[in-house]
Amino acid sequence: MDEREFAAAVAQRAGLAKEEAADLVRGTLEEVGNQISGGEVKGLAVDLPPGLAGHLPRHDGRSRPVPLQEFIRRLSERTGLTENDVSRGVGAVLSGLERLPDGGHVRHALSQLPSDYRRLMATG
């Protein structure tokens, strides 16, 4: 699955336009990458299609988890979407990532996020 196919699937699941979903996919990957350790970012990149992996930030630092509401607020400001749209979209992105074939690194990296993120993954 390439980046455009992934964004189209997110758009369909979240009820967003394809361009909105593509922005949200990029933003979600960057923000998630900033929250997990550099080693987890590298592992996550292994399982993602190249077009998606390119949106992960590169760092060697420790994890810096962000509360879910702060994460949603940041993405809302960044994308111009409402917080409700962002919540639905992030749920679709995270659950889509979790469903990728051979996604062991993805599932492990996502498990490093604060526990309230799993609520979004269940709805996406």
PDB file of N, CA and C in Angstrom:
ATOM      1  N   MET A   1       0.845  -1.177   0.000  1.00  0.00           N
ATOM      2  CA  MET A   1       0.000   0.000   0.000  1.00  0.00           C
ATOM      3  C   MET A   1       0.889   1.237   0.000  1.00  0.00           C
ATOM      4  N   ASP A   2       0.654   2.137  -0.934  1.00  0.00           N
ATOM      5  CA  ASP A   2       1.463   3.355  -0.962  1.00  0.00           C
ATOM      6  C   ASP A   2       0.773   4.467  -0.169  1.00  0.00           C
ATOM      7  N   GLU A   3       1.429   5.601  -0.104  1.00  0.00           N
ATOM      8  CA  GLU A   3       0.938   6.723   0.697  1.00  0.00           C
ATOM      9  C   GLU A   3      -0.444   7.199   0.247  1.00  0.00           C
ATOM     10  N   ARG A   4      -0.664   7.294  -1.059  1.00  0.00           N
ATOM     11  CA  ARG A   4      -1.958   7.773  -1.561  1.00  0.00           C
ATOM     12  C   ARG A   4      -3.080   6.787  -1.233  1.00  0.00           C
ATOM     13  N   GLU A   5      -2.806   5.506  -1.373  1.00  0.00           N
ATOM     14  CA  GLU A   5      -3.814   4.493  -1.031  1.00  0.00           C
ATOM     15  C   GLU A   5      -4.142   4.532   0.459  1.00  0.00           C
ATOM     16  N   PHE A   6      -3.110   4.702   1.270  1.00  0.00           N
ATOM     17  CA  PHE A   6      -3.315   4.762   2.716  1.00  0.00           C
ATOM     18  C   PHE A   6      -4.164   5.988   3.064  1.00  0.00           C
ATOM     19  N   ALA A   7      -3.833   7.142   2.499  1.00  0.00           N
ATOM     20  CA  ALA A   7      -4.592   8.368   2.765  1.00  0.00           C
ATOM     21  C   ALA A   7      -6.036   8.229   2.281  1.00  0.00           C
ATOM     22  N   ALA A   8      -6.244   7.580   1.139  1.00  0.00           N
ATOM     23  CA  ALA A   8      -7.605   7.372   0.626  1.00  0.00           C
ATOM     24  C   ALA A   8      -8.409   6.494   1.581  1.00  0.00           C
ATOM     25  N   ALA A   9      -7.775   5.473   2.142  1.00  0.00           N
ATOM     26  CA  ALA A   9      -8.452   4.603   3.104  1.00  0.00           C
ATOM     27  C   ALA A   9      -8.800   5.378   4.376  1.00  0.00           C
ATOM     28  N   VAL A  10      -7.882   6.240   4.830  1.00  0.00           N
ATOM     29  CA  VAL A  10      -8.147   7.074   6.003  1.00  0.00           C
ATOM     30  C   VAL A  10      -9.305   8.021   5.707  1.00  0.00           C
ATOM     31  N   ALA A  11      -9.301   8.630   4.524  1.00  0.00           N
ATOM     32  CA  ALA A  11     -10.373   9.555   4.140  1.00  0.00           C
ATOM     33  C   ALA A  11     -11.724   8.855   4.194  1.00  0.00           C
ATOM     34  N   GLN A  12     -11.778   7.652   3.659  1.00  0.00           N
ATOM     35  CA  GLN A  12     -13.035   6.919   3.631  1.00  0.00           C
ATOM     36  C   GLN A  12     -13.503   6.565   5.045  1.00  0.00           C
ATOM     37  N   ARG A  13     -12.594   6.047   5.878  1.00  0.00           N
ATOM     38  CA  ARG A  13     -12.966   5.645   7.239  1.00  0.00           C
ATOM     39  C   ARG A  13     -13.362   6.836   8.106  1.00  0.00           C
ATOM     40  N   ALA A  14     -12.699   7.980   7.896  1.00  0.00           N
ATOM     41  CA  ALA A  14     -12.922   9.140   8.764  1.00  0.00           C
ATOM     42  C   ALA A  14     -13.909  10.150   8.190  1.00  0.00           C
ATOM     43  N   GLY A  15     -14.348   9.942   6.950  1.00  0.00           N
ATOM     44  CA  GLY A  15     -15.272  10.892   6.342  1.00  0.00           C
ATOM     45  C   GLY A  15     -14.621  12.215   6.017  1.00  0.00           C
ATOM     46  N   LEU A  16     -13.370  12.178   5.562  1.00  0.00           N
ATOM     47  CA  LEU A  16     -12.616  13.378   5.221  1.00  0.00           C
ATOM     48  C   LEU A  16     -12.334  13.413   3.724  1.00  0.00           C
ATOM     49  N   ALA A  17     -12.011  14.597   3.216  1.00  0.00           N
ATOM     50  CA  ALA A  17     -11.538  14.717   1.840  1.00  0.00           C
ATOM     51  C   ALA A  17     -10.152  14.082   1.761  1.00  0.00           C
ATOM     52  N   LYS A  18      -9.769  13.618   0.578  1.00  0.00           N
ATOM     53  CA  LYS A  18      -8.464  12.958   0.420  1.00  0.00           C
ATOM     54  C   LYS A  18      -7.310  13.872   0.807  1.00  0.00           C
ATOM     55  N   GLU A  19      -7.396  15.157   0.454  1.00  0.00           N
ATOM     56  CA  GLU A  19      -6.318  16.096   0.794  1.00  0.00           C
ATOM     57  C   GLU A  19      -6.227  16.288   2.306  1.00  0.00           C
ATOM     58  N   GLU A  20      -7.392  16.381   2.960  1.00  0.00           N
ATOM     59  CA  GLU A  20      -7.402  16.519   4.420  1.00  0.00           C
ATOM     60  C   GLU A  20      -6.792  15.286   5.067  1.00  0.00           C
ATOM     61  N   ALA A  21      -7.167  14.117   4.568  1.00  0.00           N
ATOM     62  CA  ALA A  21      -6.629  12.874   5.120  1.00  0.00           C
ATOM     63  C   ALA A  21      -5.126  12.788   4.907  1.00  0.00           C
ATOM     64  N   ALA A  22      -4.650  13.190   3.734  1.00  0.00           N
ATOM     65  CA  ALA A  22      -3.210  13.143   3.459  1.00  0.00           C
ATOM     66  C   ALA A  22      -2.455  14.055   4.421  1.00  0.00           C
ATOM     67  N   ASP A  23      -2.971  15.260   4.670  1.00  0.00           N
ATOM     68  CA  ASP A  23      -2.342  16.169   5.637  1.00  0.00           C
ATOM     69  C   ASP A  23      -2.334  15.552   7.033  1.00  0.00           C
ATOM     70  N   LEU A  24      -3.439  14.919   7.377  1.00  0.00           N
ATOM     71  CA  LEU A  24      -3.552  14.325   8.707  1.00  0.00           C
ATOM     72  C   LEU A  24      -2.632  13.120   8.869  1.00  0.00           C
ATOM     73  N   VAL A  25      -2.465  12.329   7.822  1.00  0.00           N
ATOM     74  CA  VAL A  25      -1.531  11.196   7.870  1.00  0.00           C
ATOM     75  C   VAL A  25      -0.125  11.715   8.131  1.00  0.00           C
ATOM     76  N   ARG A  26       0.297  12.707   7.355  1.00  0.00           N
ATOM     77  CA  ARG A  26       1.646  13.274   7.535  1.00  0.00           C
ATOM     78  C   ARG A  26       1.824  13.824   8.947  1.00  0.00           C
ATOM     79  N   GLY A  27       0.856  14.627   9.383  1.00  0.00           N
ATOM     80  CA  GLY A  27       0.952  15.231  10.708  1.00  0.00           C
ATOM     81  C   GLY A  27       0.952  14.207  11.825  1.00  0.00           C
ATOM     82  N   THR A  28       0.117  13.192  11.695  1.00  0.00           N
ATOM     83  CA  THR A  28       0.053  12.149  12.722  1.00  0.00           C
ATOM     84  C   THR A  28       1.378  11.411  12.822  1.00  0.00           C
ATOM     85  N   LEU A  29       1.941  11.041  11.679  1.00  0.00           N
ATOM     86  CA  LEU A  29       3.226  10.335  11.707  1.00  0.00           C
ATOM     87  C   LEU A  29       4.323  11.197  12.330  1.00  0.00           C
ATOM     88  N   GLU A  30       4.367  12.480  11.978  1.00  0.00           N
ATOM     89  CA  GLU A  30       5.390  13.367  12.556  1.00  0.00           C
ATOM     90  C   GLU A  30       5.202  13.516  14.060  1.00  0.00           C
ATOM     91  N   GLU A  31       3.954  13.729  14.480  1.00  0.00           N
ATOM     92  CA  GLU A  31       3.690  13.917  15.913  1.00  0.00           C
ATOM     93  C   GLU A  31       3.920  12.634  16.710  1.00  0.00           C
ATOM     94  N   VAL A  32       3.490  11.496  16.167  1.00  0.00           N
ATOM     95  CA  VAL A  32       3.740  10.224  16.851  1.00  0.00           C
ATOM     96  C   VAL A  32       5.247   9.984  16.943  1.00  0.00           C
ATOM     97  N   GLY A  33       5.954  10.234  15.855  1.00  0.00           N
ATOM     98  CA  GLY A  33       7.407  10.054  15.845  1.00  0.00           C
ATOM     99  C   GLY A  33       8.116  10.906  16.871  1.00  0.00           C
ATOM    100  N   ASN A  34       7.573  12.087  17.157  1.00  0.00           N
ATOM    101  CA  ASN A  34       8.166  12.954  18.172  1.00  0.00           C
ATOM    102  C   ASN A  34       7.892  12.463  19.589  1.00  0.00           C
ATOM    103  N   GLN A  35       6.904  11.592  19.735  1.00  0.00           N
ATOM    104  CA  GLN A  35       6.546  11.105  21.070  1.00  0.00           C
ATOM    105  C   GLN A  35       7.274   9.838  21.481  1.00  0.00           C
ATOM    106  N   ILE A  36       7.735   9.065  20.524  1.00  0.00           N
ATOM    107  CA  ILE A  36       8.388   7.792  20.842  1.00  0.00           C
ATOM    108  C   ILE A  36       9.901   7.957  20.732  1.00  0.00           C
ATOM    109  N   SER A  37      10.623   7.033  21.287  1.00  0.00           N
ATOM    110  CA  SER A  37      12.086   7.139  21.286  1.00  0.00           C
ATOM    111  C   SER A  37      12.643   7.023  19.870  1.00  0.00           C
ATOM    112  N   GLY A  38      13.854   7.503  19.693  1.00  0.00           N
ATOM    113  CA  GLY A  38      14.513   7.419  18.392  1.00  0.00           C
ATOM    114  C   GLY A  38      14.628   5.994  17.890  1.00  0.00           C
ATOM    115  N   GLY A  39      14.889   5.059  18.801  1.00  0.00           N
ATOM    116  CA  GLY A  39      14.964   3.653  18.413  1.00  0.00           C
ATOM    117  C   GLY A  39      13.620   3.127  17.931  1.00  0.00           C
ATOM    118  N   GLU A  40      12.551   3.550  18.579  1.00  0.00           N
ATOM    119  CA  GLU A  40      11.209   3.147  18.152  1.00  0.00           C
ATOM    120  C   GLU A  40      10.863   3.755  16.800  1.00  0.00           C
ATOM    121  N   VAL A  41      11.306   4.985  16.557  1.00  0.00           N
ATOM    122  CA  VAL A  41      11.064   5.622  15.255  1.00  0.00           C
ATOM    123  C   VAL A  41      11.731   4.797  14.159  1.00  0.00           C
ATOM    124  N   LYS A  42      12.957   4.379  14.401  1.00  0.00           N
ATOM    125  CA  LYS A  42      13.670   3.569  13.407  1.00  0.00           C
ATOM    126  C   LYS A  42      12.957   2.245  13.165  1.00  0.00           C
ATOM    127  N   GLY A  43      12.486   1.602  14.230  1.00  0.00           N
ATOM    128  CA  GLY A  43      11.753   0.352  14.085  1.00  0.00           C
ATOM    129  C   GLY A  43      10.447   0.550  13.346  1.00  0.00           C
ATOM    130  N   LEU A  44       9.750   1.626  13.654  1.00  0.00           N
ATOM    131  CA  LEU A  44       8.495   1.933  12.983  1.00  0.00           C
ATOM    132  C   LEU A  44       8.712   2.130  11.488  1.00  0.00           C
ATOM    133  N   ALA A  45       9.784   2.814  11.141  1.00  0.00           N
ATOM    134  CA  ALA A  45      10.091   3.086   9.735  1.00  0.00           C
ATOM    135  C   ALA A  45      10.303   1.794   8.939  1.00  0.00           C
ATOM    136  N   VAL A  46      10.784   0.762   9.596  1.00  0.00           N
ATOM    137  CA  VAL A  46      11.042  -0.516   8.927  1.00  0.00           C
ATOM    138  C   VAL A  46       9.763  -1.107   8.347  1.00  0.00           C
ATOM    139  N   ASP A  47       8.657  -0.997   9.077  1.00  0.00           N
ATOM    140  CA  ASP A  47       7.406  -1.629   8.667  1.00  0.00           C
ATOM    141  C   ASP A  47       6.502  -0.743   7.815  1.00  0.00           C
ATOM    142  N   LEU A  48       6.810   0.532   7.720  1.00  0.00           N
ATOM    143  CA  LEU A  48       5.956   1.431   6.945  1.00  0.00           C
ATOM    144  C   LEU A  48       6.359   1.452   5.479  1.00  0.00           C
ATOM    145  N   PRO A  49       5.386   1.612   4.599  1.00  0.00           N
ATOM    146  CA  PRO A  49       5.742   1.829   3.190  1.00  0.00           C
ATOM    147  C   PRO A  49       6.641   3.065   3.093  1.00  0.00           C
ATOM    148  N   PRO A  50       7.598   3.083   2.150  1.00  0.00           N
ATOM    149  CA  PRO A  50       8.564   4.192   2.072  1.00  0.00           C
ATOM    150  C   PRO A  50       7.933   5.582   2.064  1.00  0.00           C
ATOM    151  N   GLY A  51       6.838   5.767   1.361  1.00  0.00           N
ATOM    152  CA  GLY A  51       6.204   7.086   1.314  1.00  0.00           C
ATOM    153  C   GLY A  51       5.717   7.543   2.667  1.00  0.00           C
ATOM    154  N   LEU A  52       5.291   6.616   3.496  1.00  0.00           N
ATOM    155  CA  LEU A  52       4.845   6.959   4.843  1.00  0.00           C
ATOM    156  C   LEU A  52       6.029   7.123   5.787  1.00  0.00           C
ATOM    157  N   ALA A  53       6.994   6.243   5.683  1.00  0.00           N
ATOM    158  CA  ALA A  53       8.166   6.302   6.569  1.00  0.00           C
ATOM    159  C   ALA A  53       8.909   7.622   6.430  1.00  0.00           C
ATOM    160  N   GLY A  54       8.849   8.216   5.257  1.00  0.00           N
ATOM    161  CA  GLY A  54       9.536   9.491   5.035  1.00  0.00           C
ATOM    162  C   GLY A  54       8.997  10.639   5.861  1.00  0.00           C
ATOM    163  N   HIS A  55       7.820  10.476   6.458  1.00  0.00           N
ATOM    164  CA  HIS A  55       7.236  11.539   7.275  1.00  0.00           C
ATOM    165  C   HIS A  55       7.626  11.433   8.750  1.00  0.00           C
ATOM    166  N   LEU A  56       8.329  10.378   9.095  1.00  0.00           N
ATOM    167  CA  LEU A  56       8.752  10.226  10.481  1.00  0.00           C
ATOM    168  C   LEU A  56       9.954  11.130  10.758  1.00  0.00           C
ATOM    169  N   PRO A  57       9.950  11.815  11.896  1.00  0.00           N
ATOM    170  CA  PRO A  57      11.110  12.649  12.232  1.00  0.00           C
ATOM    171  C   PRO A  57      12.295  11.776  12.613  1.00  0.00           C
ATOM    172  N   ARG A  58      13.465  12.273  12.407  1.00  0.00           N
ATOM    173  CA  ARG A  58      14.685  11.562  12.806  1.00  0.00           C
ATOM    174  C   ARG A  58      15.195  12.193  14.092  1.00  0.00           C
ATOM    175  N   HIS A  59      15.345  11.375  15.103  1.00  0.00           N
ATOM    176  CA  HIS A  59      15.949  11.854  16.342  1.00  0.00           C
ATOM    177  C   HIS A  59      16.501  10.666  17.099  1.00  0.00           C
ATOM    178  N   ASP A  60      17.434  10.929  17.969  1.00  0.00           N
ATOM    179  CA  ASP A  60      18.042   9.879  18.779  1.00  0.00           C
ATOM    180  C   ASP A  60      17.664  10.018  20.241  1.00  0.00           C
ATOM    181  N   GLY A  61      16.687  10.875  20.503  1.00  0.00           N
ATOM    182  CA  GLY A  61      16.318  11.157  21.880  1.00  0.00           C
ATOM    183  C   GLY A  61      15.346  10.168  22.473  1.00  0.00           C
ATOM    184  N   ARG A  62      14.951  10.500  23.687  1.00  0.00           N
ATOM    185  CA  ARG A  62      14.003   9.680  24.426  1.00  0.00           C
ATOM    186  C   ARG A  62      12.579  10.013  23.996  1.00  0.00           C
ATOM    187  N   SER A  63      11.671   9.180  24.467  1.00  0.00           N
ATOM    188  CA  SER A  63      10.265   9.425  24.161  1.00  0.00           C
ATOM    189  C   SER A  63       9.785  10.657  24.930  1.00  0.00           C
ATOM    190  N   ARG A  64       8.868  11.377  24.308  1.00  0.00           N
ATOM    191  CA  ARG A  64       8.274  12.560  24.912  1.00  0.00           C
ATOM    192  C   ARG A  64       6.758  12.487  24.707  1.00  0.00           C
ATOM    193  N   PRO A  65       6.075  11.621  25.482  1.00  0.00           N
ATOM    194  CA  PRO A  65       4.633  11.465  25.298  1.00  0.00           C
ATOM    195  C   PRO A  65       3.876  12.763  25.535  1.00  0.00           C
ATOM    196  N   VAL A  66       2.808  12.924  24.800  1.00  0.00           N
ATOM    197  CA  VAL A  66       1.950  14.098  24.889  1.00  0.00           C
ATOM    198  C   VAL A  66       0.541  13.601  25.209  1.00  0.00           C
ATOM    199  N   PRO A  67      -0.157  14.256  26.125  1.00  0.00           N
ATOM    200  CA  PRO A  67      -1.551  13.859  26.375  1.00  0.00           C
ATOM    201  C   PRO A  67      -2.368  13.922  25.085  1.00  0.00           C
ATOM    202  N   LEU A  68      -3.338  13.042  24.974  1.00  0.00           N
ATOM    203  CA  LEU A  68      -4.135  12.932  23.761  1.00  0.00           C
ATOM    204  C   LEU A  68      -4.767  14.267  23.367  1.00  0.00           C
ATOM    205  N   GLN A  69      -5.348  14.993  24.311  1.00  0.00           N
ATOM    206  CA  GLN A  69      -6.007  16.260  23.962  1.00  0.00           C
ATOM    207  C   GLN A  69      -5.016  17.264  23.380  1.00  0.00           C
ATOM    208  N   GLU A  70      -3.798  17.287  23.893  1.00  0.00           N
ATOM    209  CA  GLU A  70      -2.770  18.183  23.347  1.00  0.00           C
ATOM    210  C   GLU A  70      -2.409  17.755  21.928  1.00  0.00           C
ATOM    211  N   PHE A  71      -2.279  16.459  21.705  1.00  0.00           N
ATOM    212  CA  PHE A  71      -1.981  15.900  20.391  1.00  0.00           C
ATOM    213  C   PHE A  71      -3.061  16.314  19.388  1.00  0.00           C
ATOM    214  N   ILE A  72      -4.330  16.150  19.774  1.00  0.00           N
ATOM    215  CA  ILE A  72      -5.463  16.509  18.910  1.00  0.00           C
ATOM    216  C   ILE A  72      -5.451  18.011  18.634  1.00  0.00           C
ATOM    217  N   ARG A  73      -5.231  18.814  19.667  1.00  0.00           N
ATOM    218  CA  ARG A  73      -5.215  20.272  19.502  1.00  0.00           C
ATOM    219  C   ARG A  73      -4.125  20.705  18.526  1.00  0.00           C
ATOM    220  N   ARG A  74      -2.923  20.137  18.668  1.00  0.00           N
ATOM    221  CA  ARG A  74      -1.815  20.483  17.770  1.00  0.00           C
ATOM    222  C   ARG A  74      -2.144  20.154  16.315  1.00  0.00           C
ATOM    223  N   LEU A  75      -2.687  18.959  16.111  1.00  0.00           N
ATOM    224  CA  LEU A  75      -3.025  18.561  14.743  1.00  0.00           C
ATOM    225  C   LEU A  75      -4.169  19.393  14.182  1.00  0.00           C
ATOM    226  N   SER A  76      -5.096  19.782  15.026  1.00  0.00           N
ATOM    227  CA  SER A  76      -6.191  20.646  14.586  1.00  0.00           C
ATOM    228  C   SER A  76      -5.651  21.991  14.119  1.00  0.00           C
ATOM    229  N   GLU A  77      -4.749  22.578  14.897  1.00  0.00           N
ATOM    230  CA  GLU A  77      -4.133  23.855  14.512  1.00  0.00           C
ATOM    231  C   GLU A  77      -3.321  23.706  13.230  1.00  0.00           C
ATOM    232  N   ARG A  78      -2.607  22.625  13.126  1.00  0.00           N
ATOM    233  CA  ARG A  78      -1.728  22.394  11.978  1.00  0.00           C
ATOM    234  C   ARG A  78      -2.512  22.179  10.682  1.00  0.00           C
ATOM    235  N   THR A  79      -3.615  21.426  10.769  1.00  0.00           N
ATOM    236  CA  THR A  79      -4.357  21.055   9.567  1.00  0.00           C
ATOM    237  C   THR A  79      -5.544  21.962   9.266  1.00  0.00           C
ATOM    238  N   GLY A  80      -6.005  22.705  10.265  1.00  0.00           N
ATOM    239  CA  GLY A  80      -7.192  23.530  10.085  1.00  0.00           C
ATOM    240  C   GLY A  80      -8.485  22.740  10.216  1.00  0.00           C
ATOM    241  N   LEU A  81      -8.392  21.477  10.590  1.00  0.00           N
ATOM    242  CA  LEU A  81      -9.570  20.638  10.794  1.00  0.00           C
ATOM    243  C   LEU A  81     -10.101  20.833  12.216  1.00  0.00           C
ATOM    244  N   THR A  82     -11.377  20.530  12.408  1.00  0.00           N
ATOM    245  CA  THR A  82     -11.929  20.587  13.757  1.00  0.00           C
ATOM    246  C   THR A  82     -11.314  19.481  14.606  1.00  0.00           C
ATOM    247  N   GLU A  83     -11.397  19.636  15.906  1.00  0.00           N
ATOM    248  CA  GLU A  83     -10.866  18.601  16.785  1.00  0.00           C
ATOM    249  C   GLU A  83     -11.626  17.288  16.617  1.00  0.00           C
ATOM    250  N   ASN A  84     -12.924  17.353  16.330  1.00  0.00           N
ATOM    251  CA  ASN A  84     -13.688  16.120  16.079  1.00  0.00           C
ATOM    252  C   ASN A  84     -13.193  15.421  14.817  1.00  0.00           C
ATOM    253  N   ASP A  85     -12.957  16.187  13.745  1.00  0.00           N
ATOM    254  CA  ASP A  85     -12.427  15.601  12.511  1.00  0.00           C
ATOM    255  C   ASP A  85     -11.053  14.995  12.752  1.00  0.00           C
ATOM    256  N   VAL A  86     -10.224  15.704  13.504  1.00  0.00           N
ATOM    257  CA  VAL A  86      -8.877  15.201  13.803  1.00  0.00           C
ATOM    258  C   VAL A  86      -8.967  13.908  14.619  1.00  0.00           C
ATOM    259  N   SER A  87      -9.841  13.873  15.600  1.00  0.00           N
ATOM    260  CA  SER A  87      -9.986  12.648  16.411  1.00  0.00           C
ATOM    261  C   SER A  87     -10.374  11.461  15.546  1.00  0.00           C
ATOM    262  N   ARG A  88     -11.366  11.648  14.679  1.00  0.00           N
ATOM    263  CA  ARG A  88     -11.771  10.557  13.784  1.00  0.00           C
ATOM    264  C   ARG A  88     -10.628  10.175  12.852  1.00  0.00           C
ATOM    265  N   GLY A  89      -9.962  11.180  12.309  1.00  0.00           N
ATOM    266  CA  GLY A  89      -8.870  10.921  11.369  1.00  0.00           C
ATOM    267  C   GLY A  89      -7.687  10.236  12.007  1.00  0.00           C
ATOM    268  N   VAL A  90      -7.306  10.680  13.180  1.00  0.00           N
ATOM    269  CA  VAL A  90      -6.179  10.044  13.880  1.00  0.00           C
ATOM    270  C   VAL A  90      -6.532   8.598  14.221  1.00  0.00           C
ATOM    271  N   GLY A  91      -7.772   8.361  14.635  1.00  0.00           N
ATOM    272  CA  GLY A  91      -8.200   6.984  14.896  1.00  0.00           C
ATOM    273  C   GLY A  91      -8.052   6.120  13.657  1.00  0.00           C
ATOM    274  N   ALA A  92      -8.439   6.681  12.501  1.00  0.00           N
ATOM    275  CA  ALA A  92      -8.318   5.941  11.237  1.00  0.00           C
ATOM    276  C   ALA A  92      -6.851   5.716  10.868  1.00  0.00           C
ATOM    277  N   VAL A  93      -6.006   6.718  11.095  1.00  0.00           N
ATOM    278  CA  VAL A  93      -4.577   6.572  10.787  1.00  0.00           C
ATOM    279  C   VAL A  93      -3.957   5.493  11.675  1.00  0.00           C
ATOM    280  N   LEU A  94      -4.167   5.600  12.975  1.00  0.00           N
ATOM    281  CA  LEU A  94      -3.540   4.651  13.902  1.00  0.00           C
ATOM    282  C   LEU A  94      -4.040   3.230  13.691  1.00  0.00           C
ATOM    283  N   SER A  95      -5.351   3.080  13.489  1.00  0.00           N
ATOM    284  CA  SER A  95      -5.855   1.721  13.268  1.00  0.00           C
ATOM    285  C   SER A  95      -5.393   1.191  11.916  1.00  0.00           C
ATOM    286  N   GLY A  96      -5.264   2.058  10.917  1.00  0.00           N
ATOM    287  CA  GLY A  96      -4.727   1.638   9.621  1.00  0.00           C
ATOM    288  C   GLY A  96      -3.278   1.200   9.724  1.00  0.00           C
ATOM    289  N   LEU A  97      -2.489   1.919  10.510  1.00  0.00           N
ATOM    290  CA  LEU A  97      -1.095   1.531  10.717  1.00  0.00           C
ATOM    291  C   LEU A  97      -1.012   0.178  11.411  1.00  0.00           C
ATOM    292  N   GLU A  98      -1.879   0.006  12.384  1.00  0.00           N
ATOM    293  CA  GLU A  98      -1.866  -1.235  13.152  1.00  0.00           C
ATOM    294  C   GLU A  98      -2.223  -2.443  12.279  1.00  0.00           C
ATOM    295  N   ARG A  99      -2.984  -2.221  11.218  1.00  0.00           N
ATOM    296  CA  ARG A  99      -3.412  -3.307  10.335  1.00  0.00           C
ATOM    297  C   ARG A  99      -2.422  -3.616   9.208  1.00  0.00           C
ATOM    298  N   LEU A 100      -1.344  -2.859   9.104  1.00  0.00           N
ATOM    299  CA  LEU A 100      -0.386  -3.110   8.031  1.00  0.00           C
ATOM    300  C   LEU A 100       0.187  -4.515   8.158  1.00  0.00           C
ATOM    301  N   PRO A 101       0.378  -5.208   7.029  1.00  0.00           N
ATOM    302  CA  PRO A 101       0.988  -6.536   7.096  1.00  0.00           C
ATOM    303  C   PRO A 101       2.428  -6.436   7.625  1.00  0.00           C
ATOM    304  N   ASP A 102       2.831  -7.440   8.329  1.00  0.00           N
ATOM    305  CA  ASP A 102       4.180  -7.456   8.919  1.00  0.00           C
ATOM    306  C   ASP A 102       4.426  -6.211   9.760  1.00  0.00           C
ATOM    307  N   GLY A 103       3.435  -5.809  10.518  1.00  0.00           N
ATOM    308  CA  GLY A 103       3.512  -4.571  11.284  1.00  0.00           C
ATOM    309  C   GLY A 103       3.911  -4.746  12.727  1.00  0.00           C
ATOM    310  N   GLY A 104       4.768  -5.698  13.026  1.00  0.00           N
ATOM    311  CA  GLY A 104       5.196  -5.914  14.403  1.00  0.00           C
ATOM    312  C   GLY A 104       5.833  -4.689  15.022  1.00  0.00           C
ATOM    313  N   HIS A 105       6.710  -4.016  14.283  1.00  0.00           N
ATOM    314  CA  HIS A 105       7.331  -2.795  14.784  1.00  0.00           C
ATOM    315  C   HIS A 105       6.297  -1.693  14.970  1.00  0.00           C
ATOM    316  N   VAL A 106       5.339  -1.630  14.060  1.00  0.00           N
ATOM    317  CA  VAL A 106       4.291  -0.608  14.158  1.00  0.00           C
ATOM    318  C   VAL A 106       3.498  -0.820  15.440  1.00  0.00           C
ATOM    319  N   ARG A 107       3.036  -2.031  15.663  1.00  0.00           N
ATOM    320  CA  ARG A 107       2.241  -2.308  16.855  1.00  0.00           C
ATOM    321  C   ARG A 107       3.050  -2.037  18.124  1.00  0.00           C
ATOM    322  N   HIS A 108       4.315  -2.393  18.112  1.00  0.00           N
ATOM    323  CA  HIS A 108       5.147  -2.130  19.290  1.00  0.00           C
ATOM    324  C   HIS A 108       5.315  -0.633  19.509  1.00  0.00           C
ATOM    325  N   ALA A 109       5.585   0.112  18.458  1.00  0.00           N
ATOM    326  CA  ALA A 109       5.760   1.564  18.586  1.00  0.00           C
ATOM    327  C   ALA A 109       4.476   2.223  19.084  1.00  0.00           C
ATOM    328  N   LEU A 110       3.339   1.817  18.531  1.00  0.00           N
ATOM    329  CA  LEU A 110       2.068   2.409  18.949  1.00  0.00           C
ATOM    330  C   LEU A 110       1.743   2.070  20.392  1.00  0.00           C
ATOM    331  N   SER A 111       2.213   0.936  20.863  1.00  0.00           N
ATOM    332  CA  SER A 111       1.967   0.562  22.258  1.00  0.00           C
ATOM    333  C   SER A 111       2.723   1.474  23.215  1.00  0.00           C
ATOM    334  N   GLN A 112       3.685   2.233  22.713  1.00  0.00           N
ATOM    335  CA  GLN A 112       4.452   3.152  23.547  1.00  0.00           C
ATOM    336  C   GLN A 112       3.731   4.478  23.780  1.00  0.00           C
ATOM    337  N   LEU A 113       2.649   4.708  23.047  1.00  0.00           N
ATOM    338  CA  LEU A 113       1.875   5.934  23.228  1.00  0.00           C
ATOM    339  C   LEU A 113       1.060   5.845  24.513  1.00  0.00           C
ATOM    340  N   PRO A 114       0.680   6.995  25.076  1.00  0.00           N
ATOM    341  CA  PRO A 114      -0.163   6.967  26.274  1.00  0.00           C
ATOM    342  C   PRO A 114      -1.430   6.129  26.039  1.00  0.00           C
ATOM    343  N   SER A 115      -1.933   5.526  27.083  1.00  0.00           N
ATOM    344  CA  SER A 115      -3.030   4.563  26.966  1.00  0.00           C
ATOM    345  C   SER A 115      -4.303   5.148  26.368  1.00  0.00           C
ATOM    346  N   ASP A 116      -4.563   6.439  26.525  1.00  0.00           N
ATOM    347  CA  ASP A 116      -5.801   6.991  25.981  1.00  0.00           C
ATOM    348  C   ASP A 116      -5.814   7.022  24.451  1.00  0.00           C
ATOM    349  N   TYR A 117      -4.675   6.846  23.809  1.00  0.00           N
ATOM    350  CA  TYR A 117      -4.624   6.772  22.349  1.00  0.00           C
ATOM    351  C   TYR A 117      -5.305   5.505  21.836  1.00  0.00           C
ATOM    352  N   ARG A 118      -5.291   4.449  22.642  1.00  0.00           N
ATOM    353  CA  ARG A 118      -5.910   3.194  22.216  1.00  0.00           C
ATOM    354  C   ARG A 118      -7.424   3.337  22.003  1.00  0.00           C
ATOM    355  N   ARG A 119      -8.029   4.276  22.715  1.00  0.00           N
ATOM    356  CA  ARG A 119      -9.455   4.547  22.535  1.00  0.00           C
ATOM    357  C   ARG A 119      -9.708   4.998  21.101  1.00  0.00           C
ATOM    358  N   LEU A 120      -8.847   5.865  20.578  1.00  0.00           N
ATOM    359  CA  LEU A 120      -8.990   6.321  19.189  1.00  0.00           C
ATOM    360  C   LEU A 120      -8.743   5.182  18.219  1.00  0.00           C
ATOM    361  N   MET A 121      -7.776   4.341  18.512  1.00  0.00           N
ATOM    362  CA  MET A 121      -7.458   3.234  17.620  1.00  0.00           C
ATOM    363  C   MET A 121      -8.644   2.281  17.513  1.00  0.00           C
ATOM    364  N   ALA A 122      -9.372   2.118  18.597  1.00  0.00           N
ATOM    365  CA  ALA A 122     -10.530   1.212  18.596  1.00  0.00           C
ATOM    366  C   ALA A 122     -11.682   1.767  17.742  1.00  0.00           C
ATOM    367  N   THR A 123     -11.758   3.103  17.628  1.00  0.00           N
ATOM    368  CA  THR A 123     -12.849   3.698  16.869  1.00  0.00           C
ATOM    369  C   THR A 123     -12.496   3.905  15.409  1.00  0.00           C
ATOM    370  N   GLY A 124     -11.213   3.807  15.063  1.00  0.00           N
ATOM    371  CA  GLY A 124     -10.793   4.050  13.692  1.00  0.00           C
ATOM    372  C   GLY A 124     -10.917   2.840  12.865  1.00  0.00           C
TER     373      GLY A 124
END
